[in-house]
Amino acid sequence: MIYLDYSATTPVDKKVLQKMTPYFTEIFANPASIHTSGQTALKAVEDARYKIADLISAHGSEIIFTSGATEANNLALRGILKAAKNKGDQRQEIITSSIEHDSILEPLNYLSKEGYKIIHLPVNKQGLVEISKLQQAINENTILVSLGLVNSEIGSIQPINRFGRMIKKLNQHRYSTWLKTSPRKRGDKPKPIYFHTDATQAFNSLECNVLKLHVDALSLSGHKLYGPKGSGLLFLKRNTPLEALQYGGHQERNLRSGTLNVPGIIGLAEAMVIANKERKNFVNKVSGLRNYFVKKITKLIPQAILTVDLKNVSPTHAHFLFPGVTGDALLVALDELGVAVSTGSACASGDISISHVIRALGYKEALARSALRFTLGKTTNKKELDQAALLTLKAYKKCLNMIR
């Protein structure tokens, strides 16, 4: 099998697995236990917490361990708004984009039923939100902005640091204006706009420094960066309000109850350490291979359309439209030939409707249904890509013939 679906998940790095193994069989105690074995496990968790915090320029107390980015996204969106509302914050507008992952869009849909107004910013043909559109959308009723760093389907990279700087300056300006206003006229202290980013697809290729990104919250998932499934985190900046969504265990400072996944946390930390160390070489190698593959595909299949410019796309992503066929049919044909790819987000597998991401780029329905995503990993090589390109041509011809 030629695996080109690394955006869906990655294999656990052998070094990561080696680091995790003792915590399944030897240091297996519950870290909430007071006895020595439990405290040994707790120390390993806390060491991992501070190691992770250092990698993203955060404080250890700002890291909340979760089961993955889906939980982290839900906790960030619903938890921040729940806490703010309970503190009397009556703002009700949330800004996001039209191409976010379902783990953002569905919690926001839930919040809309609670009275929040969700503003979905459009993207341009490159899958990017324009900063002017964000500036225009923000108003006195805006409480939260959530924009993903790297899109899981097309790989477009949003300028989160620019967005973050803009929001930070706006918050500072509002506060400064309030301070300069006469105490009798100034009213209540202005509440900040909170900024969250889903960085799930980013850490392998981009530095996720929360200070440089100017974010209040950031989500990550272990299995996207050669770590274990079932592990993830939410970075939450100090003094950002948050209330728990689940109760009963009092773990993670009462913000995320549930017995800690010690092996998963250890694996997540080790995977992040390795990814951070290998990032430069990873980007150079994978982007070169991705560009090579794109040239092969476009030469073999001139009809193929690359959806977004490679200049501002994750180095792992190559997203195409194949006119005349459906992406689902092409995926099945490739799978039969031994190539694993995807039509979009793995979380939406089985959904044959047009991807909301491709629809947002403005493609017509028939063309939008022909989307196929190839994503490369750190073990991908030219031989595999040469073979995958030839097999893609074979599968494409087969699908065209079936339609005719």
Protein backbone atom coordinates (compact mmCIF):
# COMPACT_ATOMS: atom_id res chain seq x y z
CA MET A 1 0.00 0.00 0.00
CA ILE A 2 1.24 3.47 -0.92
CA TYR A 3 -0.06 5.67 1.87
CA LEU A 4 -0.74 9.28 0.88
CA ASP A 5 -3.26 10.22 3.54
CA TYR A 6 -1.01 11.62 6.26
CA SER A 7 -3.37 14.51 6.87
CA ALA A 8 -5.90 11.99 8.18
CA THR A 9 -3.45 10.33 10.55
CA THR A 10 0.21 9.40 10.88
CA PRO A 11 1.92 6.25 12.13
CA VAL A 12 3.35 6.41 15.63
CA ASP A 13 7.07 7.14 15.46
CA LYS A 14 9.10 4.22 16.85
CA LYS A 15 10.90 6.55 19.25
CA VAL A 16 7.53 7.76 20.51
CA LEU A 17 6.26 4.22 21.02
CA GLN A 18 9.46 3.31 22.86
CA LYS A 19 8.96 6.26 25.19
CA MET A 20 5.33 5.32 25.84
CA THR A 21 5.74 1.58 26.44
CA PRO A 22 6.81 1.66 30.14
CA TYR A 23 3.68 3.66 30.99
CA PHE A 24 1.44 0.82 29.80
CA THR A 25 3.11 -1.95 31.78
CA GLU A 26 5.50 -0.64 34.45
CA ILE A 27 4.60 2.92 35.44
CA PHE A 28 0.88 2.23 35.06
CA ALA A 29 -0.52 3.77 38.24
CA ASN A 30 -3.24 6.42 38.19
CA PRO A 31 -1.53 9.84 38.48
CA ALA A 32 -4.35 10.98 40.78
CA SER A 33 -3.31 8.38 43.37
CA ILE A 34 -1.37 9.57 46.40
CA HIS A 35 0.91 6.53 46.72
CA THR A 36 4.44 6.49 45.33
CA SER A 37 3.53 4.72 42.09
CA GLY A 38 0.80 7.27 41.38
CA GLN A 39 3.13 10.17 42.13
CA THR A 40 5.74 8.71 39.77
CA ALA A 41 3.15 8.70 36.99
CA LEU A 42 2.09 12.23 37.94
CA LYS A 43 5.67 13.48 37.73
CA ALA A 44 5.96 12.04 34.21
CA VAL A 45 2.75 13.85 33.21
CA GLU A 46 3.96 17.13 34.66
CA ASP A 47 7.37 16.78 33.00
CA ALA A 48 5.54 16.25 29.68
CA ARG A 49 3.31 19.25 30.35
CA TYR A 50 6.23 21.62 30.88
CA LYS A 51 8.15 20.13 27.96
CA ILE A 52 5.19 20.82 25.67
CA ALA A 53 4.67 24.28 27.13
CA ASP A 54 8.30 25.17 26.40
CA LEU A 55 7.92 24.04 22.77
CA ILE A 56 5.07 26.49 22.13
CA SER A 57 6.34 29.29 24.43
CA ALA A 58 3.58 28.77 26.98
CA HIS A 59 3.46 28.20 30.74
CA GLY A 60 2.83 24.71 32.08
CA SER A 61 -0.36 25.92 33.77
CA GLU A 62 -1.68 26.92 30.33
CA ILE A 63 -1.69 23.34 28.98
CA ILE A 64 -4.85 21.23 29.35
CA PHE A 65 -4.60 17.63 28.17
CA THR A 66 -7.50 16.29 26.12
CA SER A 67 -8.33 13.26 23.98
CA GLY A 68 -7.46 15.19 20.83
CA ALA A 69 -8.16 18.38 18.91
CA THR A 70 -11.90 17.73 18.54
CA GLU A 71 -12.30 17.77 22.31
CA ALA A 72 -9.89 20.70 22.61
CA ASN A 73 -11.89 22.69 20.04
CA ASN A 74 -15.16 21.98 21.84
CA LEU A 75 -13.64 22.88 25.18
CA ALA A 76 -12.22 26.13 23.82
CA LEU A 77 -15.34 27.33 22.03
CA ARG A 78 -18.04 26.20 24.39
CA GLY A 79 -15.95 26.48 27.56
CA ILE A 80 -14.82 30.08 26.97
CA LEU A 81 -18.32 31.25 26.08
CA LYS A 82 -19.89 29.41 28.98
CA ALA A 83 -17.47 31.03 31.43
CA ALA A 84 -17.86 34.47 29.88
CA LYS A 85 -21.64 34.27 29.98
CA ASN A 86 -21.61 33.21 33.63
CA LYS A 87 -19.51 36.30 34.36
CA GLY A 88 -22.12 38.53 32.80
CA ASP A 89 -20.62 38.92 29.33
CA GLN A 90 -23.59 39.52 27.03
CA ARG A 91 -21.73 39.66 23.70
CA GLN A 92 -23.08 37.11 21.25
CA GLU A 93 -21.16 37.25 17.97
CA ILE A 94 -18.57 34.65 17.00
CA ILE A 95 -16.42 34.92 13.88
CA THR A 96 -15.05 31.92 12.01
CA SER A 97 -14.38 31.03 8.37
CA SER A 98 -16.36 29.08 5.81
CA ILE A 99 -13.66 26.37 5.55
CA GLU A 100 -13.18 25.30 9.17
CA HIS A 101 -13.12 21.67 10.29
CA ASP A 102 -16.39 20.18 11.50
CA SER A 103 -15.01 20.07 15.05
CA ILE A 104 -15.24 23.87 14.89
CA LEU A 105 -18.37 24.30 12.78
CA GLU A 106 -20.56 21.83 14.67
CA PRO A 107 -19.90 23.26 18.16
CA LEU A 108 -20.61 26.69 16.68
CA ASN A 109 -23.85 25.37 15.22
CA TYR A 110 -24.74 24.15 18.72
CA LEU A 111 -23.92 27.61 20.13
CA SER A 112 -26.12 29.27 17.50
CA LYS A 113 -29.07 27.41 19.01
CA GLU A 114 -28.19 29.01 22.33
CA GLY A 115 -28.54 32.47 20.82
CA TYR A 116 -25.06 33.20 19.51
CA LYS A 117 -24.70 34.71 16.06
CA ILE A 118 -22.07 32.92 13.94
CA ILE A 119 -20.36 34.90 11.20
CA HIS A 120 -18.71 32.72 8.54
CA LEU A 121 -16.07 34.75 6.72
CA PRO A 122 -15.58 33.93 3.03
CA VAL A 123 -12.22 32.86 1.64
CA ASN A 124 -10.57 33.80 -1.63
CA LYS A 125 -9.62 31.34 -4.38
CA GLN A 126 -6.50 30.39 -2.40
CA GLY A 127 -8.57 29.42 0.62
CA LEU A 128 -7.47 32.44 2.64
CA VAL A 129 -9.44 34.82 4.83
CA GLU A 130 -8.58 38.42 3.98
CA ILE A 131 -7.67 40.52 7.00
CA SER A 132 -9.88 43.35 5.76
CA LYS A 133 -12.89 41.00 5.90
CA LEU A 134 -12.05 40.11 9.50
CA GLN A 135 -11.63 43.77 10.45
CA GLN A 136 -14.99 44.62 8.92
CA ALA A 137 -16.73 41.75 10.73
CA ILE A 138 -15.50 42.66 14.22
CA ASN A 139 -17.76 44.92 16.25
CA GLU A 140 -18.68 45.70 19.86
CA ASN A 141 -20.70 42.49 20.08
CA THR A 142 -17.82 40.21 18.97
CA ILE A 143 -16.72 37.90 21.77
CA LEU A 144 -14.68 35.21 20.00
CA VAL A 145 -12.77 34.59 16.77
CA SER A 146 -11.78 31.05 15.75
CA LEU A 147 -9.71 30.47 12.60
CA GLY A 148 -7.68 27.37 11.73
CA LEU A 149 -3.97 27.69 11.06
CA VAL A 150 -3.76 25.04 8.31
CA ASN A 151 -6.81 23.71 6.50
CA SER A 152 -6.97 19.91 6.64
CA GLU A 153 -8.35 19.49 3.11
CA ILE A 154 -6.61 21.99 0.86
CA GLY A 155 -3.68 22.85 3.14
CA SER A 156 -4.02 26.64 2.93
CA ILE A 157 -2.12 28.47 5.69
CA GLN A 158 -3.97 31.35 7.32
CA PRO A 159 -1.91 34.37 8.53
CA ILE A 160 -2.91 33.73 12.12
CA ASN A 161 -0.12 35.91 13.50
CA ARG A 162 -1.44 38.90 11.52
CA PHE A 163 -4.98 38.24 12.70
CA GLY A 164 -3.74 37.82 16.26
CA ARG A 165 -1.78 41.08 16.20
CA MET A 166 -4.78 42.93 14.84
CA ILE A 167 -7.11 41.57 17.54
CA LYS A 168 -4.52 42.24 20.25
CA LYS A 169 -4.08 45.87 19.10
CA LEU A 170 -7.85 46.34 19.00
CA ASN A 171 -8.18 45.00 22.55
CA GLN A 172 -5.37 47.29 23.73
CA HIS A 173 -6.88 50.30 21.96
CA ARG A 174 -10.28 49.72 23.56
CA TYR A 175 -8.73 49.39 27.00
CA SER A 176 -6.51 52.47 26.50
CA THR A 177 -9.50 54.53 25.36
CA TRP A 178 -11.46 53.37 28.40
CA LEU A 179 -8.64 54.39 30.75
CA LYS A 180 -8.45 57.86 29.20
CA THR A 181 -12.19 58.37 29.59
CA SER A 182 -13.50 60.18 32.65
CA PRO A 183 -14.45 57.63 35.38
CA ARG A 184 -17.99 59.00 35.41
CA LYS A 185 -18.38 58.41 31.67
CA ARG A 186 -16.29 55.36 30.94
CA GLY A 187 -18.76 52.64 31.92
CA ASP A 188 -17.71 49.01 32.40
CA LYS A 189 -14.16 47.92 31.64
CA PRO A 190 -14.06 46.64 28.02
CA LYS A 191 -13.88 42.87 27.70
CA PRO A 192 -11.33 41.42 25.28
CA ILE A 193 -12.12 39.59 22.08
CA TYR A 194 -10.79 36.05 22.52
CA PHE A 195 -8.85 34.43 19.68
CA HIS A 196 -8.61 30.66 19.13
CA THR A 197 -6.83 28.69 16.43
CA ASP A 198 -7.05 25.03 15.53
CA ALA A 199 -3.42 24.15 14.79
CA THR A 200 -4.00 20.41 14.35
CA GLN A 201 -2.48 20.25 10.86
CA ALA A 202 0.32 22.71 11.54
CA PHE A 203 2.86 21.50 14.06
CA ASN A 204 4.93 19.26 11.76
CA SER A 205 5.70 22.12 9.40
CA LEU A 206 5.06 25.37 11.29
CA GLU A 207 6.33 26.78 14.55
CA CYS A 208 3.28 27.08 16.78
CA ASN A 209 4.64 29.75 19.11
CA VAL A 210 1.57 31.09 20.93
CA LEU A 211 3.31 34.40 21.69
CA LYS A 212 4.08 35.03 18.02
CA LEU A 213 0.61 33.90 16.97
CA HIS A 214 -1.01 36.17 19.60
CA VAL A 215 -3.69 33.59 20.41
CA ASP A 216 -5.63 33.01 23.61
CA ALA A 217 -6.29 29.35 22.81
CA LEU A 218 -4.75 26.73 20.52
CA SER A 219 -5.68 23.11 19.82
CA LEU A 220 -3.38 20.22 18.89
CA SER A 221 -3.78 16.48 18.32
CA GLY A 222 -1.10 13.81 18.79
CA HIS A 223 -1.97 11.48 15.94
CA LYS A 224 -1.35 14.16 13.29
CA LEU A 225 2.31 14.49 14.29
CA TYR A 226 3.44 10.86 14.60
CA GLY A 227 2.11 10.55 18.13
CA PRO A 228 -0.67 8.34 19.52
CA LYS A 229 -4.37 8.63 18.81
CA GLY A 230 -6.47 9.72 21.78
CA SER A 231 -4.00 12.39 22.88
CA GLY A 232 -4.20 16.14 22.44
CA LEU A 233 -4.15 19.45 24.21
CA LEU A 234 -5.67 22.86 24.55
CA PHE A 235 -3.39 25.79 25.22
CA LEU A 236 -5.35 28.37 27.20
CA LYS A 237 -3.69 31.71 27.92
CA ARG A 238 -3.67 32.82 31.53
CA ASN A 239 -6.75 34.79 32.60
CA THR A 240 -8.78 33.52 29.65
CA PRO A 241 -12.11 32.37 31.13
CA LEU A 242 -13.00 28.69 30.80
CA GLU A 243 -15.56 26.38 32.34
CA ALA A 244 -15.51 22.62 32.15
CA LEU A 245 -17.79 20.68 29.82
CA GLN A 246 -17.53 17.41 31.75
CA TYR A 247 -17.44 16.80 35.47
CA GLY A 248 -16.59 14.21 38.07
CA GLY A 249 -12.86 13.63 38.29
CA HIS A 250 -11.40 17.07 39.06
CA GLN A 251 -8.37 16.47 36.80
CA GLU A 252 -6.66 19.32 34.93
CA ARG A 253 -7.58 21.92 37.55
CA ASN A 254 -11.26 20.93 37.30
CA LEU A 255 -11.29 21.98 33.64
CA ARG A 256 -11.21 18.51 32.06
CA SER A 257 -12.32 15.64 34.27
CA GLY A 258 -11.25 12.10 33.41
CA THR A 259 -8.36 9.81 34.26
CA LEU A 260 -5.30 11.12 32.49
CA ASN A 261 -4.07 9.12 29.50
CA VAL A 262 -0.51 8.86 30.80
CA PRO A 263 1.01 6.88 27.89
CA GLY A 264 -0.78 9.17 25.44
CA ILE A 265 0.50 12.32 27.16
CA ILE A 266 4.06 10.97 27.24
CA GLY A 267 3.75 10.06 23.55
CA LEU A 268 2.30 13.44 22.64
CA ALA A 269 5.20 15.26 24.31
CA GLU A 270 7.82 13.05 22.66
CA ALA A 271 6.17 13.42 19.24
CA MET A 272 6.19 17.20 19.63
CA VAL A 273 9.85 17.20 20.67
CA ILE A 274 10.78 15.13 17.61
CA ALA A 275 8.62 17.21 15.24
CA ASN A 276 10.14 20.42 16.56
CA LYS A 277 13.67 19.06 16.10
CA GLU A 278 13.00 17.68 12.60
CA ARG A 279 10.80 20.51 11.31
CA LYS A 280 13.29 22.24 9.02
CA ASN A 281 14.44 19.02 7.35
CA PHE A 282 10.86 17.76 7.20
CA VAL A 283 9.65 20.87 5.37
CA ASN A 284 12.54 20.86 2.91
CA LYS A 285 12.18 17.18 2.08
CA VAL A 286 8.40 16.91 1.94
CA SER A 287 7.77 20.15 0.08
CA GLY A 288 10.28 19.06 -2.58
CA LEU A 289 8.57 15.70 -2.95
CA ARG A 290 5.13 17.30 -3.00
CA ASN A 291 6.17 19.72 -5.77
CA TYR A 292 7.68 16.81 -7.70
CA PHE A 293 4.44 14.85 -7.39
CA VAL A 294 2.31 17.80 -8.47
CA LYS A 295 4.40 18.15 -11.65
CA LYS A 296 4.03 14.41 -12.33
CA ILE A 297 0.25 14.51 -11.94
CA THR A 298 -0.25 17.63 -14.05
CA LYS A 299 1.97 16.19 -16.79
CA LEU A 300 0.25 12.80 -16.84
CA ILE A 301 -3.25 14.24 -16.41
CA PRO A 302 -3.36 17.72 -17.99
CA GLN A 303 -7.05 18.02 -17.06
CA ALA A 304 -6.21 17.89 -13.35
CA ILE A 305 -6.69 21.19 -11.54
CA LEU A 306 -4.56 22.12 -8.54
CA THR A 307 -7.04 23.93 -6.29
CA VAL A 308 -4.69 26.29 -4.42
CA ASP A 309 -1.32 27.89 -5.08
CA LEU A 310 1.54 25.91 -3.53
CA LYS A 311 3.20 29.12 -2.31
CA ASN A 312 0.94 29.32 0.72
CA VAL A 313 0.05 25.70 1.37
CA SER A 314 1.25 23.15 3.90
CA PRO A 315 4.25 21.27 2.41
CA THR A 316 2.40 17.97 2.85
CA HIS A 317 -0.68 18.84 0.79
CA ALA A 318 -1.52 18.40 -2.89
CA HIS A 319 -5.22 18.90 -3.57
CA PHE A 320 -6.65 18.33 -7.05
CA LEU A 321 -9.89 18.37 -8.97
CA PHE A 322 -10.25 15.69 -11.66
CA PRO A 323 -12.90 16.82 -14.19
CA GLY A 324 -15.29 14.21 -15.50
CA VAL A 325 -15.20 11.86 -12.50
CA THR A 326 -16.12 11.94 -8.82
CA GLY A 327 -13.50 11.98 -6.12
CA ASP A 328 -15.24 9.07 -4.40
CA ALA A 329 -15.01 6.86 -7.49
CA LEU A 330 -11.37 7.81 -8.00
CA LEU A 331 -10.57 7.11 -4.35
CA VAL A 332 -12.08 3.61 -4.58
CA ALA A 333 -10.26 2.90 -7.85
CA LEU A 334 -6.95 4.00 -6.31
CA ASP A 335 -7.58 1.95 -3.20
CA GLU A 336 -8.06 -1.14 -5.37
CA LEU A 337 -4.70 -0.34 -6.98
CA GLY A 338 -3.01 0.01 -3.59
CA VAL A 339 -2.94 3.78 -3.07
CA ALA A 340 -4.56 5.35 0.00
CA VAL A 341 -5.81 8.92 -0.47
CA SER A 342 -8.78 10.99 0.66
CA THR A 343 -11.57 13.13 -0.73
CA GLY A 344 -11.44 15.44 2.28
CA SER A 345 -11.43 15.40 6.05
CA ALA A 346 -11.25 11.88 7.49
CA CYS A 347 -13.82 12.94 10.09
CA ALA A 348 -16.36 13.36 7.29
CA SER A 349 -15.74 9.96 5.68
CA GLY A 350 -18.89 8.39 4.32
CA ASP A 351 -20.38 11.81 3.61
CA ILE A 352 -20.92 11.99 -0.14
CA SER A 353 -22.07 15.61 -0.13
CA ILE A 354 -19.79 18.26 -1.60
CA SER A 355 -17.11 19.40 0.79
CA HIS A 356 -17.97 22.77 2.30
CA VAL A 357 -14.30 23.69 1.84
CA ILE A 358 -14.34 23.16 -1.93
CA ARG A 359 -17.73 24.82 -2.20
CA ALA A 360 -16.28 27.88 -0.42
CA LEU A 361 -13.59 28.16 -3.11
CA GLY A 362 -16.34 28.82 -5.64
CA TYR A 363 -16.16 25.72 -7.85
CA LYS A 364 -19.30 24.48 -9.60
CA GLU A 365 -20.97 21.38 -8.23
CA ALA A 366 -19.77 18.79 -10.78
CA LEU A 367 -16.17 19.95 -10.52
CA ALA A 368 -16.32 20.24 -6.74
CA ARG A 369 -17.34 16.57 -6.51
CA SER A 370 -14.11 15.54 -8.27
CA ALA A 371 -11.81 16.61 -5.43
CA LEU A 372 -9.01 14.36 -4.21
CA ARG A 373 -6.42 15.05 -1.53
CA PHE A 374 -2.91 13.61 -1.51
CA THR A 375 -0.92 14.24 1.67
CA LEU A 376 2.70 13.21 2.13
CA GLY A 377 4.63 12.14 5.22
CA LYS A 378 8.19 11.90 6.42
CA THR A 379 8.75 8.41 4.99
CA THR A 380 7.28 9.20 1.55
CA ASN A 381 9.78 8.72 -1.29
CA LYS A 382 10.06 9.42 -5.03
CA LYS A 383 9.60 5.80 -6.03
CA GLU A 384 6.24 5.71 -4.27
CA LEU A 385 5.22 8.99 -5.86
CA ASP A 386 6.19 7.87 -9.35
CA GLN A 387 4.09 4.76 -8.92
CA ALA A 388 1.21 6.66 -7.32
CA ALA A 389 1.13 9.15 -10.20
CA LEU A 390 0.95 6.36 -12.80
CA LEU A 391 -1.74 4.57 -10.82
CA THR A 392 -3.71 7.81 -10.51
CA LEU A 393 -3.68 8.10 -14.31
CA LYS A 394 -4.82 4.48 -14.60
CA ALA A 395 -7.60 5.00 -12.06
CA TYR A 396 -8.71 8.23 -13.75
CA LYS A 397 -8.97 6.56 -17.16
CA LYS A 398 -10.89 3.68 -15.62
CA CYS A 399 -13.39 6.07 -13.99
CA LEU A 400 -13.84 8.02 -17.22
CA ASN A 401 -14.49 4.82 -19.15
CA MET A 402 -17.06 3.67 -16.61
CA ILE A 403 -18.98 6.91 -17.06
CA ARG A 404 -18.86 6.67 -20.87
